[in-house]
PDB file of N, CA and C in Angstrom:
ATOM      1  N   UNK A   1       1.433   2.694 -15.029  1.00  0.00           N
ATOM      2  CA  UNK A   1       2.556   2.113 -14.338  1.00  0.00           C
ATOM      3  C   UNK A   1       3.198   1.041 -15.245  1.00  0.00           C
ATOM      4  N   UNK A   2       4.387   0.990 -15.324  1.00  0.00           N
ATOM      5  CA  UNK A   2       5.175   0.029 -16.126  1.00  0.00           C
ATOM      6  C   UNK A   2       5.256  -1.160 -15.462  1.00  0.00           C
ATOM      7  N   UNK A   3       5.172  -2.347 -16.058  1.00  0.00           N
ATOM      8  CA  UNK A   3       5.303  -3.698 -15.515  1.00  0.00           C
ATOM      9  C   UNK A   3       6.770  -3.963 -15.143  1.00  0.00           C
ATOM     10  N   UNK A   4       6.907  -4.486 -13.919  1.00  0.00           N
ATOM     11  CA  UNK A   4       8.237  -4.709 -13.438  1.00  0.00           C
ATOM     12  C   UNK A   4       8.992  -5.821 -14.145  1.00  0.00           C
ATOM     13  N   UNK A   5      10.267  -5.627 -14.396  1.00  0.00           N
ATOM     14  CA  UNK A   5      11.046  -6.696 -15.015  1.00  0.00           C
ATOM     15  C   UNK A   5      11.256  -7.806 -14.030  1.00  0.00           C
ATOM     16  N   UNK A   6      11.603  -9.087 -14.632  1.00  0.00           N
ATOM     17  CA  UNK A   6      11.920 -10.129 -13.776  1.00  0.00           C
ATOM     18  C   UNK A   6      13.038  -9.917 -12.676  1.00  0.00           C
ATOM     19  N   UNK A   7      13.947  -9.098 -13.313  1.00  0.00           N
ATOM     20  CA  UNK A   7      15.201  -8.818 -12.569  1.00  0.00           C
ATOM     21  C   UNK A   7      14.880  -7.742 -11.327  1.00  0.00           C
ATOM     22  N   UNK A   8      13.973  -6.916 -11.673  1.00  0.00           N
ATOM     23  CA  UNK A   8      13.564  -5.834 -10.606  1.00  0.00           C
ATOM     24  C   UNK A   8      12.716  -6.697  -9.571  1.00  0.00           C
ATOM     25  N   UNK A   9      11.864  -7.701  -9.970  1.00  0.00           N
ATOM     26  CA  UNK A   9      11.142  -8.374  -8.897  1.00  0.00           C
ATOM     27  C   UNK A   9      12.071  -9.235  -8.110  1.00  0.00           C
ATOM     28  N   UNK A  10      13.195  -9.846  -8.601  1.00  0.00           N
ATOM     29  CA  UNK A  10      13.988 -10.607  -7.947  1.00  0.00           C
ATOM     30  C   UNK A  10      14.876  -9.782  -6.858  1.00  0.00           C
ATOM     31  N   UNK A  11      15.258  -8.545  -7.344  1.00  0.00           N
ATOM     32  CA  UNK A  11      15.998  -7.705  -6.411  1.00  0.00           C
ATOM     33  C   UNK A  11      15.110  -7.234  -5.262  1.00  0.00           C
ATOM     34  N   UNK A  12      13.880  -6.867  -5.584  1.00  0.00           N
ATOM     35  CA  UNK A  12      12.836  -6.450  -4.551  1.00  0.00           C
ATOM     36  C   UNK A  12      12.660  -7.666  -3.473  1.00  0.00           C
ATOM     37  N   UNK A  13      12.555  -8.795  -4.006  1.00  0.00           N
ATOM     38  CA  UNK A  13      12.413  -9.994  -3.140  1.00  0.00           C
ATOM     39  C   UNK A  13      13.615 -10.076  -2.175  1.00  0.00           C
ATOM     40  N   UNK A  14      14.704 -10.001  -2.822  1.00  0.00           N
ATOM     41  CA  UNK A  14      16.037 -10.188  -1.955  1.00  0.00           C
ATOM     42  C   UNK A  14      16.023  -9.189  -0.919  1.00  0.00           C
ATOM     43  N   UNK A  15      15.708  -7.858  -1.263  1.00  0.00           N
ATOM     44  CA  UNK A  15      15.676  -6.678  -0.248  1.00  0.00           C
ATOM     45  C   UNK A  15      14.576  -6.952   0.802  1.00  0.00           C
ATOM     46  N   UNK A  16      13.582  -7.458   0.333  1.00  0.00           N
ATOM     47  CA  UNK A  16      12.485  -7.715   1.412  1.00  0.00           C
ATOM     48  C   UNK A  16      12.904  -8.827   2.252  1.00  0.00           C
ATOM     49  N   UNK A  17      13.380  -9.882   1.760  1.00  0.00           N
ATOM     50  CA  UNK A  17      13.924 -11.087   2.551  1.00  0.00           C
ATOM     51  C   UNK A  17      14.929 -10.755   3.511  1.00  0.00           C
ATOM     52  N   UNK A  18      15.879  -9.811   2.967  1.00  0.00           N
ATOM     53  CA  UNK A  18      17.002  -9.414   3.805  1.00  0.00           C
ATOM     54  C   UNK A  18      16.396  -8.672   4.957  1.00  0.00           C
ATOM     55  N   UNK A  19      15.639  -7.746   4.805  1.00  0.00           N
ATOM     56  CA  UNK A  19      15.055  -6.795   5.781  1.00  0.00           C
ATOM     57  C   UNK A  19      14.093  -7.510   6.719  1.00  0.00           C
ATOM     58  N   UNK A  20      13.261  -8.551   6.306  1.00  0.00           N
ATOM     59  CA  UNK A  20      12.319  -9.254   7.171  1.00  0.00           C
ATOM     60  C   UNK A  20      12.660 -10.582   7.622  1.00  0.00           C
ATOM     61  N   UNK A  21      13.446 -11.143   6.941  1.00  0.00           N
ATOM     62  CA  UNK A  21      13.823 -12.550   7.357  1.00  0.00           C
ATOM     63  C   UNK A  21      15.291 -12.684   7.894  1.00  0.00           C
ATOM     64  N   UNK A  22      16.265 -12.296   7.148  1.00  0.00           N
ATOM     65  CA  UNK A  22      17.665 -12.556   7.270  1.00  0.00           C
ATOM     66  C   UNK A  22      18.061 -11.548   8.517  1.00  0.00           C
ATOM     67  N   UNK A  23      18.232 -10.365   8.377  1.00  0.00           N
ATOM     68  CA  UNK A  23      18.612  -9.258   9.269  1.00  0.00           C
ATOM     69  C   UNK A  23      18.129  -9.352  10.723  1.00  0.00           C
ATOM     70  N   UNK A  24      16.845  -9.598  10.921  1.00  0.00           N
ATOM     71  CA  UNK A  24      16.371  -9.736  12.442  1.00  0.00           C
ATOM     72  C   UNK A  24      17.031 -11.125  13.167  1.00  0.00           C
ATOM     73  N   UNK A  25      17.334 -12.095  12.336  1.00  0.00           N
ATOM     74  CA  UNK A  25      17.807 -13.236  12.982  1.00  0.00           C
ATOM     75  C   UNK A  25      19.362 -13.265  13.058  1.00  0.00           C
ATOM     76  N   UNK A  26      19.981 -12.749  11.864  1.00  0.00           N
ATOM     77  CA  UNK A  26      21.412 -12.999  11.795  1.00  0.00           C
ATOM     78  C   UNK A  26      22.216 -11.738  11.912  1.00  0.00           C
ATOM     79  N   UNK A  27      21.554 -10.638  11.951  1.00  0.00           N
ATOM     80  CA  UNK A  27      22.390  -9.416  12.264  1.00  0.00           C
ATOM     81  C   UNK A  27      22.084  -8.747  13.471  1.00  0.00           C
ATOM     82  N   UNK A  28      20.790  -8.465  13.638  1.00  0.00           N
ATOM     83  CA  UNK A  28      20.420  -7.734  14.881  1.00  0.00           C
ATOM     84  C   UNK A  28      18.893  -7.953  15.297  1.00  0.00           C
ATOM     85  N   UNK A  29      18.615  -7.909  16.426  1.00  0.00           N
ATOM     86  CA  UNK A  29      17.252  -7.881  16.823  1.00  0.00           C
ATOM     87  C   UNK A  29      16.667  -6.553  17.310  1.00  0.00           C
ATOM     88  N   UNK A  30      17.557  -5.604  17.122  1.00  0.00           N
ATOM     89  CA  UNK A  30      17.268  -4.150  17.507  1.00  0.00           C
ATOM     90  C   UNK A  30      16.259  -3.592  16.435  1.00  0.00           C
ATOM     91  N   UNK A  31      15.146  -3.063  16.772  1.00  0.00           N
ATOM     92  CA  UNK A  31      14.071  -2.414  15.877  1.00  0.00           C
ATOM     93  C   UNK A  31      14.788  -1.156  15.157  1.00  0.00           C
ATOM     94  N   UNK A  32      15.543  -0.435  16.038  1.00  0.00           N
ATOM     95  CA  UNK A  32      16.153   0.729  15.671  1.00  0.00           C
ATOM     96  C   UNK A  32      17.266   0.529  14.486  1.00  0.00           C
ATOM     97  N   UNK A  33      17.974  -0.497  14.675  1.00  0.00           N
ATOM     98  CA  UNK A  33      18.986  -0.974  13.629  1.00  0.00           C
ATOM     99  C   UNK A  33      18.283  -1.370  12.456  1.00  0.00           C
ATOM    100  N   UNK A  34      17.174  -2.283  12.511  1.00  0.00           N
ATOM    101  CA  UNK A  34      16.434  -2.640  11.391  1.00  0.00           C
ATOM    102  C   UNK A  34      15.873  -1.587  10.608  1.00  0.00           C
ATOM    103  N   UNK A  35      15.362  -0.430  11.384  1.00  0.00           N
ATOM    104  CA  UNK A  35      14.767   0.692  10.782  1.00  0.00           C
ATOM    105  C   UNK A  35      15.921   1.464  10.065  1.00  0.00           C
ATOM    106  N   UNK A  36      17.030   1.486  10.545  1.00  0.00           N
ATOM    107  CA  UNK A  36      18.190   2.033   9.789  1.00  0.00           C
ATOM    108  C   UNK A  36      18.532   1.438   8.524  1.00  0.00           C
ATOM    109  N   UNK A  37      18.473   0.178   8.563  1.00  0.00           N
ATOM    110  CA  UNK A  37      18.746  -0.512   7.401  1.00  0.00           C
ATOM    111  C   UNK A  37      17.715  -0.202   6.327  1.00  0.00           C
ATOM    112  N   UNK A  38      16.427  -0.250   6.663  1.00  0.00           N
ATOM    113  CA  UNK A  38      15.278   0.097   5.796  1.00  0.00           C
ATOM    114  C   UNK A  38      15.332   1.561   5.385  1.00  0.00           C
ATOM    115  N   UNK A  39      15.879   2.415   6.187  1.00  0.00           N
ATOM    116  CA  UNK A  39      15.970   3.809   5.730  1.00  0.00           C
ATOM    117  C   UNK A  39      17.061   3.998   4.764  1.00  0.00           C
ATOM    118  N   UNK A  40      18.250   3.407   4.869  1.00  0.00           N
ATOM    119  CA  UNK A  40      19.334   3.325   4.029  1.00  0.00           C
ATOM    120  C   UNK A  40      19.031   2.888   2.621  1.00  0.00           C
ATOM    121  N   UNK A  41      18.268   1.757   2.618  1.00  0.00           N
ATOM    122  CA  UNK A  41      17.810   1.175   1.388  1.00  0.00           C
ATOM    123  C   UNK A  41      16.761   2.085   0.636  1.00  0.00           C
ATOM    124  N   UNK A  42      15.978   2.696   1.394  1.00  0.00           N
ATOM    125  CA  UNK A  42      15.000   3.570   0.842  1.00  0.00           C
ATOM    126  C   UNK A  42      15.711   4.860   0.406  1.00  0.00           C
ATOM    127  N   UNK A  43      16.560   5.482   1.006  1.00  0.00           N
ATOM    128  CA  UNK A  43      17.352   6.585   0.576  1.00  0.00           C
ATOM    129  C   UNK A  43      18.085   6.223  -0.867  1.00  0.00           C
ATOM    130  N   UNK A  44      18.617   5.094  -0.861  1.00  0.00           N
ATOM    131  CA  UNK A  44      19.234   4.595  -2.061  1.00  0.00           C
ATOM    132  C   UNK A  44      18.310   4.550  -3.291  1.00  0.00           C
ATOM    133  N   UNK A  45      17.179   3.986  -3.103  1.00  0.00           N
ATOM    134  CA  UNK A  45      16.187   3.810  -4.123  1.00  0.00           C
ATOM    135  C   UNK A  45      15.644   5.316  -4.533  1.00  0.00           C
ATOM    136  N   UNK A  46      15.541   6.193  -3.555  1.00  0.00           N
ATOM    137  CA  UNK A  46      15.175   7.476  -3.878  1.00  0.00           C
ATOM    138  C   UNK A  46      16.249   8.129  -4.780  1.00  0.00           C
ATOM    139  N   UNK A  47      17.526   7.992  -4.399  1.00  0.00           N
ATOM    140  CA  UNK A  47      18.695   8.530  -5.178  1.00  0.00           C
ATOM    141  C   UNK A  47      18.465   7.936  -6.524  1.00  0.00           C
ATOM    142  N   UNK A  48      18.312   6.638  -6.730  1.00  0.00           N
ATOM    143  CA  UNK A  48      18.130   5.894  -8.106  1.00  0.00           C
ATOM    144  C   UNK A  48      16.975   6.521  -8.972  1.00  0.00           C
ATOM    145  N   UNK A  49      15.827   6.802  -8.210  1.00  0.00           N
ATOM    146  CA  UNK A  49      14.807   7.311  -9.062  1.00  0.00           C
ATOM    147  C   UNK A  49      14.972   8.855  -9.443  1.00  0.00           C
ATOM    148  N   UNK A  50      15.384   9.678  -8.524  1.00  0.00           N
ATOM    149  CA  UNK A  50      15.607  11.031  -8.787  1.00  0.00           C
ATOM    150  C   UNK A  50      16.693  11.372  -9.604  1.00  0.00           C
ATOM    151  N   UNK A  51      17.921  10.742  -9.516  1.00  0.00           N
ATOM    152  CA  UNK A  51      19.132  11.197 -10.234  1.00  0.00           C
ATOM    153  C   UNK A  51      19.478  10.206 -11.415  1.00  0.00           C
ATOM    154  N   UNK A  52      18.958   8.933 -11.313  1.00  0.00           N
ATOM    155  CA  UNK A  52      19.355   7.906 -12.423  1.00  0.00           C
ATOM    156  C   UNK A  52      18.153   7.435 -13.254  1.00  0.00           C
ATOM    157  N   UNK A  53      16.943   7.976 -12.904  1.00  0.00           N
ATOM    158  CA  UNK A  53      15.716   7.632 -13.480  1.00  0.00           C
ATOM    159  C   UNK A  53      15.444   6.234 -13.449  1.00  0.00           C
ATOM    160  N   UNK A  54      15.845   5.509 -12.468  1.00  0.00           N
ATOM    161  CA  UNK A  54      15.519   4.101 -12.291  1.00  0.00           C
ATOM    162  C   UNK A  54      14.357   3.900 -11.260  1.00  0.00           C
ATOM    163  N   UNK A  55      13.397   3.177 -11.758  1.00  0.00           N
ATOM    164  CA  UNK A  55      12.273   3.134 -10.778  1.00  0.00           C
ATOM    165  C   UNK A  55      12.298   1.728 -10.166  1.00  0.00           C
ATOM    166  N   UNK A  56      11.420   1.350  -9.287  1.00  0.00           N
ATOM    167  CA  UNK A  56      11.320  -0.019  -8.662  1.00  0.00           C
ATOM    168  C   UNK A  56      11.164  -0.939  -9.753  1.00  0.00           C
ATOM    169  N   UNK A  57      10.264  -0.571 -10.744  1.00  0.00           N
ATOM    170  CA  UNK A  57       9.965  -1.444 -11.974  1.00  0.00           C
ATOM    171  C   UNK A  57      11.165  -1.722 -12.794  1.00  0.00           C
ATOM    172  N   UNK A  58      12.061  -0.815 -12.780  1.00  0.00           N
ATOM    173  CA  UNK A  58      13.363  -1.039 -13.729  1.00  0.00           C
ATOM    174  C   UNK A  58      14.566  -1.320 -13.035  1.00  0.00           C
ATOM    175  N   UNK A  59      14.517  -1.535 -11.762  1.00  0.00           N
ATOM    176  CA  UNK A  59      15.632  -1.736 -10.959  1.00  0.00           C
ATOM    177  C   UNK A  59      16.426  -2.964 -11.544  1.00  0.00           C
ATOM    178  N   UNK A  60      17.779  -3.032 -11.527  1.00  0.00           N
ATOM    179  CA  UNK A  60      18.564  -4.012 -11.971  1.00  0.00           C
ATOM    180  C   UNK A  60      19.889  -4.030 -11.312  1.00  0.00           C
ATOM    181  N   UNK A  61      20.726  -5.171 -11.504  1.00  0.00           N
ATOM    182  CA  UNK A  61      21.855  -5.344 -10.821  1.00  0.00           C
ATOM    183  C   UNK A  61      22.794  -4.281 -11.188  1.00  0.00           C
ATOM    184  N   UNK A  62      22.841  -3.689 -12.275  1.00  0.00           N
ATOM    185  CA  UNK A  62      23.833  -2.564 -12.539  1.00  0.00           C
ATOM    186  C   UNK A  62      23.632  -1.320 -11.585  1.00  0.00           C
ATOM    187  N   UNK A  63      22.485  -1.331 -11.001  1.00  0.00           N
ATOM    188  CA  UNK A  63      22.189  -0.092 -10.145  1.00  0.00           C
ATOM    189  C   UNK A  63      23.198   0.012  -8.886  1.00  0.00           C
ATOM    190  N   UNK A  64      23.718  -1.295  -8.601  1.00  0.00           N
ATOM    191  CA  UNK A  64      24.447  -1.374  -7.406  1.00  0.00           C
ATOM    192  C   UNK A  64      25.981  -1.383  -7.800  1.00  0.00           C
ATOM    193  N   UNK A  65      26.418  -0.698  -8.794  1.00  0.00           N
ATOM    194  CA  UNK A  65      27.869  -0.523  -9.237  1.00  0.00           C
ATOM    195  C   UNK A  65      28.440   0.434  -8.346  1.00  0.00           C
ATOM    196  N   UNK A  66      29.788   0.336  -8.193  1.00  0.00           N
ATOM    197  CA  UNK A  66      30.485   1.178  -7.229  1.00  0.00           C
ATOM    198  C   UNK A  66      30.495   2.569  -7.609  1.00  0.00           C
ATOM    199  N   UNK A  67      30.449   2.919  -8.794  1.00  0.00           N
ATOM    200  CA  UNK A  67      30.356   4.538  -9.154  1.00  0.00           C
ATOM    201  C   UNK A  67      29.000   4.993  -8.618  1.00  0.00           C
ATOM    202  N   UNK A  68      27.917   4.331  -8.797  1.00  0.00           N
ATOM    203  CA  UNK A  68      26.660   4.890  -8.418  1.00  0.00           C
ATOM    204  C   UNK A  68      26.590   4.975  -6.819  1.00  0.00           C
ATOM    205  N   UNK A  69      27.047   4.022  -6.107  1.00  0.00           N
ATOM    206  CA  UNK A  69      27.022   4.122  -4.738  1.00  0.00           C
ATOM    207  C   UNK A  69      28.020   5.255  -4.163  1.00  0.00           C
ATOM    208  N   UNK A  70      29.098   5.441  -4.937  1.00  0.00           N
ATOM    209  CA  UNK A  70      29.809   6.565  -4.561  1.00  0.00           C
ATOM    210  C   UNK A  70      29.074   7.922  -4.809  1.00  0.00           C
ATOM    211  N   UNK A  71      28.400   8.027  -5.818  1.00  0.00           N
ATOM    212  CA  UNK A  71      27.675   9.157  -6.208  1.00  0.00           C
ATOM    213  C   UNK A  71      26.525   9.399  -5.038  1.00  0.00           C
ATOM    214  N   UNK A  72      25.915   8.279  -4.586  1.00  0.00           N
ATOM    215  CA  UNK A  72      24.931   8.360  -3.653  1.00  0.00           C
ATOM    216  C   UNK A  72      25.469   8.829  -2.263  1.00  0.00           C
ATOM    217  N   UNK A  73      26.633   8.482  -2.015  1.00  0.00           N
ATOM    218  CA  UNK A  73      27.307   9.061  -0.821  1.00  0.00           C
ATOM    219  C   UNK A  73      27.448  10.518  -1.012  1.00  0.00           C
ATOM    220  N   UNK A  74      27.918  10.990  -2.045  1.00  0.00           N
ATOM    221  CA  UNK A  74      28.052  12.554  -2.300  1.00  0.00           C
ATOM    222  C   UNK A  74      26.573  13.130  -2.236  1.00  0.00           C
ATOM    223  N   UNK A  75      25.644  12.412  -2.814  1.00  0.00           N
ATOM    224  CA  UNK A  75      24.128  13.063  -2.796  1.00  0.00           C
ATOM    225  C   UNK A  75      23.729  13.048  -1.245  1.00  0.00           C
ATOM    226  N   UNK A  76      23.979  12.134  -0.525  1.00  0.00           N
ATOM    227  CA  UNK A  76      23.643  12.018   0.745  1.00  0.00           C
ATOM    228  C   UNK A  76      24.147  13.283   1.621  1.00  0.00           C
ATOM    229  N   UNK A  77      25.366  13.648   1.263  1.00  0.00           N
ATOM    230  CA  UNK A  77      26.122  14.682   1.998  1.00  0.00           C
ATOM    231  C   UNK A  77      25.565  15.817   1.483  1.00  0.00           C
ATOM    232  N   UNK A  78      25.543  16.089   0.151  1.00  0.00           N
ATOM    233  CA  UNK A  78      25.008  17.484  -0.381  1.00  0.00           C
ATOM    234  C   UNK A  78      23.602  17.698  -0.384  1.00  0.00           C
ATOM    235  N   UNK A  79      22.757  16.706  -0.762  1.00  0.00           N
ATOM    236  CA  UNK A  79      21.311  17.042  -0.871  1.00  0.00           C
ATOM    237  C   UNK A  79      20.620  16.684   0.475  1.00  0.00           C
ATOM    238  N   UNK A  80      21.093  15.782   1.242  1.00  0.00           N
ATOM    239  CA  UNK A  80      20.425  15.364   2.575  1.00  0.00           C
ATOM    240  C   UNK A  80      21.078  16.075   3.694  1.00  0.00           C
ATOM    241  N   UNK A  81      22.304  16.721   3.537  1.00  0.00           N
ATOM    242  CA  UNK A  81      23.037  17.311   4.642  1.00  0.00           C
ATOM    243  C   UNK A  81      23.491  16.335   5.573  1.00  0.00           C
ATOM    244  N   UNK A  82      23.907  15.060   5.153  1.00  0.00           N
ATOM    245  CA  UNK A  82      24.342  14.127   5.987  1.00  0.00           C
ATOM    246  C   UNK A  82      25.777  14.337   6.294  1.00  0.00           C
ATOM    247  N   UNK A  83      26.265  14.134   7.513  1.00  0.00           N
ATOM    248  CA  UNK A  83      27.718  14.176   8.094  1.00  0.00           C
ATOM    249  C   UNK A  83      28.287  12.912   7.525  1.00  0.00           C
ATOM    250  N   UNK A  84      29.703  12.934   7.286  1.00  0.00           N
ATOM    251  CA  UNK A  84      30.426  11.804   6.829  1.00  0.00           C
ATOM    252  C   UNK A  84      29.974  10.507   7.726  1.00  0.00           C
ATOM    253  N   UNK A  85      29.997  10.684   8.967  1.00  0.00           N
ATOM    254  CA  UNK A  85      29.689   9.580   9.871  1.00  0.00           C
ATOM    255  C   UNK A  85      28.253   8.992   9.472  1.00  0.00           C
ATOM    256  N   UNK A  86      27.196   9.670   9.239  1.00  0.00           N
ATOM    257  CA  UNK A  86      25.898   9.270   8.777  1.00  0.00           C
ATOM    258  C   UNK A  86      25.943   8.553   7.398  1.00  0.00           C
ATOM    259  N   UNK A  87      26.802   9.192   6.695  1.00  0.00           N
ATOM    260  CA  UNK A  87      26.900   8.503   5.250  1.00  0.00           C
ATOM    261  C   UNK A  87      27.605   7.151   5.347  1.00  0.00           C
ATOM    262  N   UNK A  88      28.495   7.054   6.231  1.00  0.00           N
ATOM    263  CA  UNK A  88      29.193   5.772   6.498  1.00  0.00           C
ATOM    264  C   UNK A  88      28.221   4.714   7.097  1.00  0.00           C
ATOM    265  N   UNK A  89      27.400   5.189   7.998  1.00  0.00           N
ATOM    266  CA  UNK A  89      26.374   4.218   8.545  1.00  0.00           C
ATOM    267  C   UNK A  89      25.374   3.892   7.412  1.00  0.00           C
ATOM    268  N   UNK A  90      24.947   4.715   6.677  1.00  0.00           N
ATOM    269  CA  UNK A  90      24.013   4.399   5.531  1.00  0.00           C
ATOM    270  C   UNK A  90      24.757   3.272   4.466  1.00  0.00           C
ATOM    271  N   UNK A  91      26.052   3.626   4.207  1.00  0.00           N
ATOM    272  CA  UNK A  91      26.773   2.734   3.381  1.00  0.00           C
ATOM    273  C   UNK A  91      26.884   1.334   3.846  1.00  0.00           C
ATOM    274  N   UNK A  92      27.179   1.214   5.250  1.00  0.00           N
ATOM    275  CA  UNK A  92      27.309  -0.047   5.814  1.00  0.00           C
ATOM    276  C   UNK A  92      25.965  -0.817   5.835  1.00  0.00           C
ATOM    277  N   UNK A  93      24.767  -0.042   6.063  1.00  0.00           N
ATOM    278  CA  UNK A  93      23.602  -0.737   6.177  1.00  0.00           C
ATOM    279  C   UNK A  93      23.174  -1.060   4.694  1.00  0.00           C
ATOM    280  N   UNK A  94      23.696  -0.516   3.576  1.00  0.00           N
ATOM    281  CA  UNK A  94      23.337  -0.983   2.214  1.00  0.00           C
ATOM    282  C   UNK A  94      24.075  -2.073   1.712  1.00  0.00           C
ATOM    283  N   UNK A  95      25.257  -2.195   2.203  1.00  0.00           N
ATOM    284  CA  UNK A  95      26.160  -3.226   1.698  1.00  0.00           C
ATOM    285  C   UNK A  95      26.374  -4.433   2.619  1.00  0.00           C
ATOM    286  N   UNK A  96      25.689  -4.418   3.830  1.00  0.00           N
ATOM    287  CA  UNK A  96      25.818  -5.519   4.674  1.00  0.00           C
ATOM    288  C   UNK A  96      25.392  -6.927   4.098  1.00  0.00           C
TER     289      UNK A  96
END
């Protein structure tokens, strides 16, 4: 396994802090909504790994550029058979 970059570690910490510290207090107390946030982020990381060859260890801020997020939405629709409404929910949960 490759050693994680400092940038990847920082991003992972931000994601974890968002999911476990910020969102439950400032966004929602609903377990289902929190699970939906986690699922959306997991799907985005899966997209990055499978289509962009980005692993958790090589994650960087460029992974969150508009073009890749737009590609992810297409991937959700085509590869995961998500309806447009579901794609929009995933998007909102990833950029909140």
